[in-house]
Amino acid sequence: ARTVQFFNENRFSQPLELPEEALAVDRAQLDHTLA
């Protein structure tokens, strides 16, 4: 995950680079793996 964009009803920002890359993950599977 490298970019983020903000929307206020029908207005929006341009795509912005995140200050650092992030990870999108399926939480249910992550918890199961940790268990």
PDB file of all heavy atoms in Angstrom:
ATOM      1  N   ALA A   1       0.851  -1.183   0.000  1.00  0.00           N
ATOM      2  CA  ALA A   1       0.000   0.000   0.000  1.00  0.00           C
ATOM      3  C   ALA A   1       0.891   1.239   0.000  1.00  0.00           C
ATOM      4  O   ALA A   1       1.601   1.502   0.966  1.00  0.00           O
ATOM      5  CB  ALA A   1      -0.923  -0.012   1.216  1.00  0.00           C
ATOM      6  N   ARG A   2       0.827   2.001  -1.082  1.00  0.00           N
ATOM      7  CA  ARG A   2       1.745   3.134  -1.247  1.00  0.00           C
ATOM      8  C   ARG A   2       1.033   4.480  -1.366  1.00  0.00           C
ATOM      9  O   ARG A   2       1.657   5.511  -1.175  1.00  0.00           O
ATOM     10  CB  ARG A   2       2.620   2.924  -2.484  1.00  0.00           C
ATOM     11  CG  ARG A   2       3.470   1.662  -2.422  1.00  0.00           C
ATOM     12  CD  ARG A   2       4.299   1.484  -3.690  1.00  0.00           C
ATOM     13  NE  ARG A   2       5.141   0.295  -3.609  1.00  0.00           N
ATOM     14  CZ  ARG A   2       4.755  -0.919  -3.944  1.00  0.00           C
ATOM     15  NH1 ARG A   2       3.517  -1.114  -4.397  1.00  0.00           N
ATOM     16  NH2 ARG A   2       5.569  -1.958  -3.837  1.00  0.00           N
ATOM     17  N   THR A   3      -0.250   4.478  -1.711  1.00  0.00           N
ATOM     18  CA  THR A   3      -0.941   5.748  -1.964  1.00  0.00           C
ATOM     19  C   THR A   3      -2.244   5.834  -1.180  1.00  0.00           C
ATOM     20  O   THR A   3      -2.863   4.819  -0.838  1.00  0.00           O
ATOM     21  CB  THR A   3      -1.255   5.907  -3.463  1.00  0.00           C
ATOM     22  OG1 THR A   3      -2.061   4.795  -3.906  1.00  0.00           O
ATOM     23  CG2 THR A   3       0.024   5.976  -4.287  1.00  0.00           C
ATOM     24  N   VAL A   4      -2.660   7.063  -0.904  1.00  0.00           N
ATOM     25  CA  VAL A   4      -3.897   7.317  -0.187  1.00  0.00           C
ATOM     26  C   VAL A   4      -4.607   8.501  -0.834  1.00  0.00           C
ATOM     27  O   VAL A   4      -3.960   9.393  -1.398  1.00  0.00           O
ATOM     28  CB  VAL A   4      -3.622   7.599   1.307  1.00  0.00           C
ATOM     29  CG1 VAL A   4      -2.751   8.848   1.487  1.00  0.00           C
ATOM     30  CG2 VAL A   4      -4.924   7.739   2.092  1.00  0.00           C
ATOM     31  N   GLN A   5      -5.928   8.497  -0.751  1.00  0.00           N
ATOM     32  CA  GLN A   5      -6.714   9.591  -1.295  1.00  0.00           C
ATOM     33  C   GLN A   5      -7.866   9.887  -0.352  1.00  0.00           C
ATOM     34  O   GLN A   5      -8.435   8.974   0.266  1.00  0.00           O
ATOM     35  CB  GLN A   5      -7.238   9.238  -2.685  1.00  0.00           C
ATOM     36  CG  GLN A   5      -7.743  10.432  -3.491  1.00  0.00           C
ATOM     37  CD  GLN A   5      -7.896  10.085  -4.971  1.00  0.00           C
ATOM     38  OE1 GLN A   5      -7.720   8.934  -5.374  1.00  0.00           O
ATOM     39  NE2 GLN A   5      -8.221  11.070  -5.777  1.00  0.00           N
ATOM     40  N   PHE A   6      -8.217  11.180  -0.214  1.00  0.00           N
ATOM     41  CA  PHE A   6      -9.244  11.611   0.720  1.00  0.00           C
ATOM     42  C   PHE A   6     -10.444  12.182  -0.045  1.00  0.00           C
ATOM     43  O   PHE A   6     -10.264  12.942  -1.006  1.00  0.00           O
ATOM     44  CB  PHE A   6      -8.686  12.669   1.679  1.00  0.00           C
ATOM     45  CG  PHE A   6      -7.541  12.163   2.510  1.00  0.00           C
ATOM     46  CD1 PHE A   6      -6.231  12.266   2.062  1.00  0.00           C
ATOM     47  CD2 PHE A   6      -7.775  11.576   3.753  1.00  0.00           C
ATOM     48  CE1 PHE A   6      -5.178  11.791   2.821  1.00  0.00           C
ATOM     49  CE2 PHE A   6      -6.730  11.103   4.518  1.00  0.00           C
ATOM     50  CZ  PHE A   6      -5.429  11.207   4.051  1.00  0.00           C
ATOM     51  N   PHE A   7     -11.640  11.821   0.422  1.00  0.00           N
ATOM     52  CA  PHE A   7     -12.881  12.245  -0.222  1.00  0.00           C
ATOM     53  C   PHE A   7     -13.798  12.863   0.826  1.00  0.00           C
ATOM     54  O   PHE A   7     -14.036  12.268   1.886  1.00  0.00           O
ATOM     55  CB  PHE A   7     -13.593  11.049  -0.876  1.00  0.00           C
ATOM     56  CG  PHE A   7     -12.798  10.387  -1.967  1.00  0.00           C
ATOM     57  CD1 PHE A   7     -11.767   9.499  -1.656  1.00  0.00           C
ATOM     58  CD2 PHE A   7     -13.073  10.645  -3.302  1.00  0.00           C
ATOM     59  CE1 PHE A   7     -11.032   8.883  -2.656  1.00  0.00           C
ATOM     60  CE2 PHE A   7     -12.345  10.026  -4.309  1.00  0.00           C
ATOM     61  CZ  PHE A   7     -11.314   9.151  -3.987  1.00  0.00           C
ATOM     62  N   ASN A   8     -14.307  14.046   0.521  1.00  0.00           N
ATOM     63  CA  ASN A   8     -15.273  14.711   1.385  1.00  0.00           C
ATOM     64  C   ASN A   8     -16.569  14.862   0.597  1.00  0.00           C
ATOM     65  O   ASN A   8     -16.706  15.786  -0.216  1.00  0.00           O
ATOM     66  CB  ASN A   8     -14.748  16.075   1.836  1.00  0.00           C
ATOM     67  CG  ASN A   8     -15.733  16.819   2.715  1.00  0.00           C
ATOM     68  OD1 ASN A   8     -16.579  16.204   3.357  1.00  0.00           O
ATOM     69  ND2 ASN A   8     -15.648  18.149   2.720  1.00  0.00           N
ATOM     70  N   GLU A   9     -17.484  13.891   0.801  1.00  0.00           N
ATOM     71  CA  GLU A   9     -18.695  13.811   0.005  1.00  0.00           C
ATOM     72  C   GLU A   9     -18.300  13.746  -1.478  1.00  0.00           C
ATOM     73  O   GLU A   9     -17.704  12.767  -1.891  1.00  0.00           O
ATOM     74  CB  GLU A   9     -19.622  14.975   0.356  1.00  0.00           C
ATOM     75  CG  GLU A   9     -20.081  14.895   1.823  1.00  0.00           C
ATOM     76  CD  GLU A   9     -20.872  16.069   2.294  1.00  0.00           C
ATOM     77  OE1 GLU A   9     -20.793  17.147   1.688  1.00  0.00           O
ATOM     78  OE2 GLU A   9     -21.572  15.914   3.309  1.00  0.00           O
ATOM     79  N   ASN A  10     -18.545  14.774  -2.307  1.00  0.00           N
ATOM     80  CA  ASN A  10     -18.223  14.679  -3.728  1.00  0.00           C
ATOM     81  C   ASN A  10     -16.950  15.441  -4.113  1.00  0.00           C
ATOM     82  O   ASN A  10     -16.668  15.631  -5.291  1.00  0.00           O
ATOM     83  CB  ASN A  10     -19.402  15.167  -4.569  1.00  0.00           C
ATOM     84  CG  ASN A  10     -20.599  14.239  -4.460  1.00  0.00           C
ATOM     85  OD1 ASN A  10     -20.436  13.024  -4.434  1.00  0.00           O
ATOM     86  ND2 ASN A  10     -21.790  14.795  -4.380  1.00  0.00           N
ATOM     87  N   ARG A  11     -16.180  15.866  -3.124  1.00  0.00           N
ATOM     88  CA  ARG A  11     -14.888  16.499  -3.377  1.00  0.00           C
ATOM     89  C   ARG A  11     -13.781  15.551  -2.957  1.00  0.00           C
ATOM     90  O   ARG A  11     -13.972  14.704  -2.084  1.00  0.00           O
ATOM     91  CB  ARG A  11     -14.786  17.821  -2.612  1.00  0.00           C
ATOM     92  CG  ARG A  11     -15.854  18.843  -3.003  1.00  0.00           C
ATOM     93  CD  ARG A  11     -15.710  20.110  -2.185  1.00  0.00           C
ATOM     94  NE  ARG A  11     -16.728  21.098  -2.536  1.00  0.00           N
ATOM     95  CZ  ARG A  11     -16.853  22.270  -1.943  1.00  0.00           C
ATOM     96  NH1 ARG A  11     -16.028  22.611  -0.955  1.00  0.00           N
ATOM     97  NH2 ARG A  11     -17.794  23.106  -2.332  1.00  0.00           N
ATOM     98  N   PHE A  12     -12.605  15.717  -3.556  1.00  0.00           N
ATOM     99  CA  PHE A  12     -11.540  14.770  -3.247  1.00  0.00           C
ATOM    100  C   PHE A  12     -10.171  15.407  -3.467  1.00  0.00           C
ATOM    101  O   PHE A  12     -10.010  16.388  -4.186  1.00  0.00           O
ATOM    102  CB  PHE A  12     -11.674  13.505  -4.104  1.00  0.00           C
ATOM    103  CG  PHE A  12     -11.770  13.766  -5.572  1.00  0.00           C
ATOM    104  CD1 PHE A  12     -10.633  13.823  -6.366  1.00  0.00           C
ATOM    105  CD2 PHE A  12     -13.014  13.964  -6.169  1.00  0.00           C
ATOM    106  CE1 PHE A  12     -10.728  14.063  -7.728  1.00  0.00           C
ATOM    107  CE2 PHE A  12     -13.120  14.211  -7.530  1.00  0.00           C
ATOM    108  CZ  PHE A  12     -11.969  14.268  -8.315  1.00  0.00           C
ATOM    109  N   SER A  13      -9.171  14.809  -2.819  1.00  0.00           N
ATOM    110  CA  SER A  13      -7.788  15.224  -3.000  1.00  0.00           C
ATOM    111  C   SER A  13      -7.175  14.444  -4.151  1.00  0.00           C
ATOM    112  O   SER A  13      -7.760  13.480  -4.654  1.00  0.00           O
ATOM    113  CB  SER A  13      -6.988  14.950  -1.720  1.00  0.00           C
ATOM    114  OG  SER A  13      -6.756  13.554  -1.574  1.00  0.00           O
ATOM    115  N   GLN A  14      -5.983  14.831  -4.555  1.00  0.00           N
ATOM    116  CA  GLN A  14      -5.241  14.017  -5.505  1.00  0.00           C
ATOM    117  C   GLN A  14      -4.647  12.809  -4.762  1.00  0.00           C
ATOM    118  O   GLN A  14      -4.528  12.833  -3.535  1.00  0.00           O
ATOM    119  CB  GLN A  14      -4.106  14.829  -6.157  1.00  0.00           C
ATOM    120  CG  GLN A  14      -2.954  15.180  -5.211  1.00  0.00           C
ATOM    121  CD  GLN A  14      -3.159  16.488  -4.493  1.00  0.00           C
ATOM    122  OE1 GLN A  14      -4.276  16.826  -4.128  1.00  0.00           O
ATOM    123  NE2 GLN A  14      -2.080  17.216  -4.284  1.00  0.00           N
ATOM    124  N   PRO A  15      -4.307  11.733  -5.470  1.00  0.00           N
ATOM    125  CA  PRO A  15      -3.627  10.622  -4.803  1.00  0.00           C
ATOM    126  C   PRO A  15      -2.305  11.105  -4.199  1.00  0.00           C
ATOM    127  O   PRO A  15      -1.550  11.825  -4.838  1.00  0.00           O
ATOM    128  CB  PRO A  15      -3.392   9.615  -5.939  1.00  0.00           C
ATOM    129  CG  PRO A  15      -4.418   9.962  -6.974  1.00  0.00           C
ATOM    130  CD  PRO A  15      -4.580  11.447  -6.894  1.00  0.00           C
ATOM    131  N   LEU A  16      -2.052  10.705  -2.949  1.00  0.00           N
ATOM    132  CA  LEU A  16      -0.860  11.136  -2.221  1.00  0.00           C
ATOM    133  C   LEU A  16      -0.033   9.919  -1.847  1.00  0.00           C
ATOM    134  O   LEU A  16      -0.567   8.862  -1.494  1.00  0.00           O
ATOM    135  CB  LEU A  16      -1.255  11.898  -0.958  1.00  0.00           C
ATOM    136  CG  LEU A  16      -2.093  13.165  -1.162  1.00  0.00           C
ATOM    137  CD1 LEU A  16      -2.664  13.640   0.175  1.00  0.00           C
ATOM    138  CD2 LEU A  16      -1.265  14.257  -1.811  1.00  0.00           C
ATOM    139  N   GLU A  17       1.295  10.077  -1.902  1.00  0.00           N
ATOM    140  CA  GLU A  17       2.186   9.012  -1.475  1.00  0.00           C
ATOM    141  C   GLU A  17       2.170   8.913   0.045  1.00  0.00           C
ATOM    142  O   GLU A  17       2.302   9.923   0.751  1.00  0.00           O
ATOM    143  CB  GLU A  17       3.615   9.287  -1.950  1.00  0.00           C
ATOM    144  CG  GLU A  17       3.816   9.164  -3.443  1.00  0.00           C
ATOM    145  CD  GLU A  17       3.805   7.710  -3.909  1.00  0.00           C
ATOM    146  OE1 GLU A  17       4.212   6.827  -3.107  1.00  0.00           O
ATOM    147  OE2 GLU A  17       3.396   7.467  -5.054  1.00  0.00           O
ATOM    148  N   LEU A  18       1.986   7.706   0.573  1.00  0.00           N
ATOM    149  CA  LEU A  18       2.089   7.510   2.012  1.00  0.00           C
ATOM    150  C   LEU A  18       3.526   7.773   2.462  1.00  0.00           C
ATOM    151  O   LEU A  18       4.477   7.469   1.723  1.00  0.00           O
ATOM    152  CB  LEU A  18       1.695   6.085   2.387  1.00  0.00           C
ATOM    153  CG  LEU A  18       0.197   5.757   2.322  1.00  0.00           C
ATOM    154  CD1 LEU A  18      -0.011   4.248   2.376  1.00  0.00           C
ATOM    155  CD2 LEU A  18      -0.550   6.433   3.462  1.00  0.00           C
ATOM    156  N   PRO A  19       3.716   8.321   3.665  1.00  0.00           N
ATOM    157  CA  PRO A  19       5.072   8.564   4.152  1.00  0.00           C
ATOM    158  C   PRO A  19       5.925   7.306   4.222  1.00  0.00           C
ATOM    159  O   PRO A  19       7.143   7.367   4.117  1.00  0.00           O
ATOM    160  CB  PRO A  19       4.840   9.159   5.546  1.00  0.00           C
ATOM    161  CG  PRO A  19       3.499   9.815   5.437  1.00  0.00           C
ATOM    162  CD  PRO A  19       2.700   8.914   4.543  1.00  0.00           C
ATOM    163  N   GLU A  20       5.291   6.154   4.403  1.00  0.00           N
ATOM    164  CA  GLU A  20       5.993   4.873   4.296  1.00  0.00           C
ATOM    165  C   GLU A  20       4.997   3.827   3.823  1.00  0.00           C
ATOM    166  O   GLU A  20       3.796   3.959   4.043  1.00  0.00           O
ATOM    167  CB  GLU A  20       6.623   4.460   5.629  1.00  0.00           C
ATOM    168  CG  GLU A  20       5.635   4.139   6.724  1.00  0.00           C
ATOM    169  CD  GLU A  20       6.321   3.648   7.986  1.00  0.00           C
ATOM    170  OE1 GLU A  20       7.529   3.871   8.142  1.00  0.00           O
ATOM    171  OE2 GLU A  20       5.634   3.031   8.818  1.00  0.00           O
ATOM    172  N   GLU A  21       5.498   2.806   3.153  1.00  0.00           N
ATOM    173  CA  GLU A  21       4.612   1.769   2.631  1.00  0.00           C
ATOM    174  C   GLU A  21       3.955   1.007   3.775  1.00  0.00           C
ATOM    175  O   GLU A  21       4.531   0.838   4.850  1.00  0.00           O
ATOM    176  CB  GLU A  21       5.388   0.804   1.734  1.00  0.00           C
ATOM    177  CG  GLU A  21       5.866   1.445   0.437  1.00  0.00           C
ATOM    178  CD  GLU A  21       6.563   0.453  -0.464  1.00  0.00           C
ATOM    179  OE1 GLU A  21       6.817  -0.682  -0.014  1.00  0.00           O
ATOM    180  OE2 GLU A  21       6.847   0.815  -1.613  1.00  0.00           O
ATOM    181  N   ALA A  22       2.745   0.565   3.538  1.00  0.00           N
ATOM    182  CA  ALA A  22       1.978  -0.146   4.553  1.00  0.00           C
ATOM    183  C   ALA A  22       1.522  -1.494   3.995  1.00  0.00           C
ATOM    184  O   ALA A  22       1.661  -1.775   2.799  1.00  0.00           O
ATOM    185  CB  ALA A  22       0.785   0.695   4.989  1.00  0.00           C
ATOM    186  N   LEU A  23       0.970  -2.307   4.867  1.00  0.00           N
ATOM    187  CA  LEU A  23       0.534  -3.649   4.497  1.00  0.00           C
ATOM    188  C   LEU A  23      -0.970  -3.781   4.697  1.00  0.00           C
ATOM    189  O   LEU A  23      -1.487  -3.496   5.772  1.00  0.00           O
ATOM    190  CB  LEU A  23       1.257  -4.693   5.353  1.00  0.00           C
ATOM    191  CG  LEU A  23       0.882  -6.162   5.123  1.00  0.00           C
ATOM    192  CD1 LEU A  23       1.359  -6.625   3.746  1.00  0.00           C
ATOM    193  CD2 LEU A  23       1.486  -7.043   6.220  1.00  0.00           C
ATOM    194  N   ALA A  24      -1.664  -4.182   3.651  1.00  0.00           N
ATOM    195  CA  ALA A  24      -3.081  -4.534   3.753  1.00  0.00           C
ATOM    196  C   ALA A  24      -3.168  -6.046   3.931  1.00  0.00           C
ATOM    197  O   ALA A  24      -2.521  -6.803   3.202  1.00  0.00           O
ATOM    198  CB  ALA A  24      -3.837  -4.092   2.503  1.00  0.00           C
ATOM    199  N   VAL A  25      -3.953  -6.491   4.910  1.00  0.00           N
ATOM    200  CA  VAL A  25      -3.947  -7.912   5.258  1.00  0.00           C
ATOM    201  C   VAL A  25      -5.331  -8.330   5.731  1.00  0.00           C
ATOM    202  O   VAL A  25      -6.068  -7.543   6.325  1.00  0.00           O
ATOM    203  CB  VAL A  25      -2.889  -8.172   6.361  1.00  0.00           C
ATOM    204  CG1 VAL A  25      -3.208  -7.382   7.629  1.00  0.00           C
ATOM    205  CG2 VAL A  25      -2.753  -9.649   6.672  1.00  0.00           C
ATOM    206  N   ASP A  26      -5.714  -9.568   5.438  1.00  0.00           N
ATOM    207  CA  ASP A  26      -6.967 -10.131   5.918  1.00  0.00           C
ATOM    208  C   ASP A  26      -6.824 -10.403   7.410  1.00  0.00           C
ATOM    209  O   ASP A  26      -6.056 -11.273   7.828  1.00  0.00           O
ATOM    210  CB  ASP A  26      -7.270 -11.430   5.159  1.00  0.00           C
ATOM    211  CG  ASP A  26      -8.617 -12.028   5.515  1.00  0.00           C
ATOM    212  OD1 ASP A  26      -8.984 -12.012   6.702  1.00  0.00           O
ATOM    213  OD2 ASP A  26      -9.303 -12.533   4.603  1.00  0.00           O
ATOM    214  N   ARG A  27      -7.565  -9.661   8.234  1.00  0.00           N
ATOM    215  CA  ARG A  27      -7.381  -9.745   9.686  1.00  0.00           C
ATOM    216  C   ARG A  27      -7.736 -11.121  10.246  1.00  0.00           C
ATOM    217  O   ARG A  27      -7.056 -11.639  11.142  1.00  0.00           O
ATOM    218  CB  ARG A  27      -8.224  -8.662  10.362  1.00  0.00           C
ATOM    219  CG  ARG A  27      -8.208  -8.687  11.877  1.00  0.00           C
ATOM    220  CD  ARG A  27      -6.827  -8.432  12.460  1.00  0.00           C
ATOM    221  NE  ARG A  27      -6.828  -8.706  13.879  1.00  0.00           N
ATOM    222  CZ  ARG A  27      -7.217  -7.833  14.812  1.00  0.00           C
ATOM    223  NH1 ARG A  27      -7.647  -6.622  14.455  1.00  0.00           N
ATOM    224  NH2 ARG A  27      -7.181  -8.152  16.089  1.00  0.00           N
ATOM    225  N   ALA A  28      -8.798 -11.739   9.764  1.00  0.00           N
ATOM    226  CA  ALA A  28      -9.198 -13.049  10.272  1.00  0.00           C
ATOM    227  C   ALA A  28      -8.103 -14.075  10.039  1.00  0.00           C
ATOM    228  O   ALA A  28      -7.772 -14.871  10.927  1.00  0.00           O
ATOM    229  CB  ALA A  28     -10.504 -13.496   9.617  1.00  0.00           C
ATOM    230  N   GLN A  29      -7.507 -14.060   8.842  1.00  0.00           N
ATOM    231  CA  GLN A  29      -6.441 -15.003   8.540  1.00  0.00           C
ATOM    232  C   GLN A  29      -5.165 -14.685   9.325  1.00  0.00           C
ATOM    233  O   GLN A  29      -4.438 -15.582   9.748  1.00  0.00           O
ATOM    234  CB  GLN A  29      -6.154 -15.002   7.040  1.00  0.00           C
ATOM    235  CG  GLN A  29      -7.273 -15.596   6.201  1.00  0.00           C
ATOM    236  CD  GLN A  29      -7.616 -17.025   6.630  1.00  0.00           C
ATOM    237  OE1 GLN A  29      -6.730 -17.846   6.874  1.00  0.00           O
ATOM    238  NE2 GLN A  29      -8.907 -17.309   6.724  1.00  0.00           N
ATOM    239  N   LEU A  30      -4.905 -13.391   9.544  1.00  0.00           N
ATOM    240  CA  LEU A  30      -3.730 -13.010  10.325  1.00  0.00           C
ATOM    241  C   LEU A  30      -3.844 -13.516  11.755  1.00  0.00           C
ATOM    242  O   LEU A  30      -2.895 -14.104  12.299  1.00  0.00           O
ATOM    243  CB  LEU A  30      -3.570 -11.492  10.312  1.00  0.00           C
ATOM    244  CG  LEU A  30      -2.434 -10.933  11.184  1.00  0.00           C
ATOM    245  CD1 LEU A  30      -1.082 -11.460  10.725  1.00  0.00           C
ATOM    246  CD2 LEU A  30      -2.455  -9.413  11.167  1.00  0.00           C
ATOM    247  N   ASP A  31      -4.988 -13.295  12.395  1.00  0.00           N
ATOM    248  CA  ASP A  31      -5.180 -13.783  13.760  1.00  0.00           C
ATOM    249  C   ASP A  31      -5.047 -15.301  13.831  1.00  0.00           C
ATOM    250  O   ASP A  31      -4.456 -15.846  14.771  1.00  0.00           O
ATOM    251  CB  ASP A  31      -6.554 -13.357  14.276  1.00  0.00           C
ATOM    252  CG  ASP A  31      -6.593 -11.903  14.713  1.00  0.00           C
ATOM    253  OD1 ASP A  31      -5.576 -11.205  14.549  1.00  0.00           O
ATOM    254  OD2 ASP A  31      -7.650 -11.456  15.197  1.00  0.00           O
ATOM    255  N   HIS A  32      -5.619 -15.985  12.836  1.00  0.00           N
ATOM    256  CA  HIS A  32      -5.538 -17.447  12.811  1.00  0.00           C
ATOM    257  C   HIS A  32      -4.080 -17.911  12.708  1.00  0.00           C
ATOM    258  O   HIS A  32      -3.641 -18.835  13.419  1.00  0.00           O
ATOM    259  CB  HIS A  32      -6.347 -17.990  11.631  1.00  0.00           C
ATOM    260  CG  HIS A  32      -6.537 -19.470  11.674  1.00  0.00           C
ATOM    261  ND1 HIS A  32      -6.893 -20.210  10.569  1.00  0.00           N
ATOM    262  CD2 HIS A  32      -6.405 -20.359  12.684  1.00  0.00           C
ATOM    263  CE1 HIS A  32      -6.971 -21.485  10.900  1.00  0.00           C
ATOM    264  NE2 HIS A  32      -6.693 -21.603  12.171  1.00  0.00           N
ATOM    265  N   THR A  33      -3.311 -17.250  11.857  1.00  0.00           N
ATOM    266  CA  THR A  33      -1.896 -17.597  11.696  1.00  0.00           C
ATOM    267  C   THR A  33      -1.120 -17.360  12.987  1.00  0.00           C
ATOM    268  O   THR A  33      -0.279 -18.177  13.391  1.00  0.00           O
ATOM    269  CB  THR A  33      -1.268 -16.774  10.555  1.00  0.00           C
ATOM    270  OG1 THR A  33      -1.989 -17.026   9.345  1.00  0.00           O
ATOM    271  CG2 THR A  33       0.196 -17.139  10.352  1.00  0.00           C
ATOM    272  N   LEU A  34      -1.398 -16.246  13.663  1.00  0.00           N
ATOM    273  CA  LEU A  34      -0.735 -15.951  14.938  1.00  0.00           C
ATOM    274  C   LEU A  34      -1.134 -16.962  16.013  1.00  0.00           C
ATOM    275  O   LEU A  34      -0.308 -17.346  16.850  1.00  0.00           O
ATOM    276  CB  LEU A  34      -1.067 -14.540  15.387  1.00  0.00           C
ATOM    277  CG  LEU A  34      -0.410 -13.404  14.592  1.00  0.00           C
ATOM    278  CD1 LEU A  34      -1.003 -12.060  14.996  1.00  0.00           C
ATOM    279  CD2 LEU A  34       1.109 -13.404  14.789  1.00  0.00           C
ATOM    280  N   ALA A  35      -2.405 -17.399  16.007  1.00  0.00           N
ATOM    281  CA  ALA A  35      -2.851 -18.395  16.982  1.00  0.00           C
ATOM    282  C   ALA A  35      -2.098 -19.709  16.794  1.00  0.00           C
ATOM    283  O   ALA A  35      -1.683 -20.357  17.776  1.00  0.00           O
ATOM    284  CB  ALA A  35      -4.356 -18.615  16.850  1.00  0.00           C
TER     285      ALA A  35
END
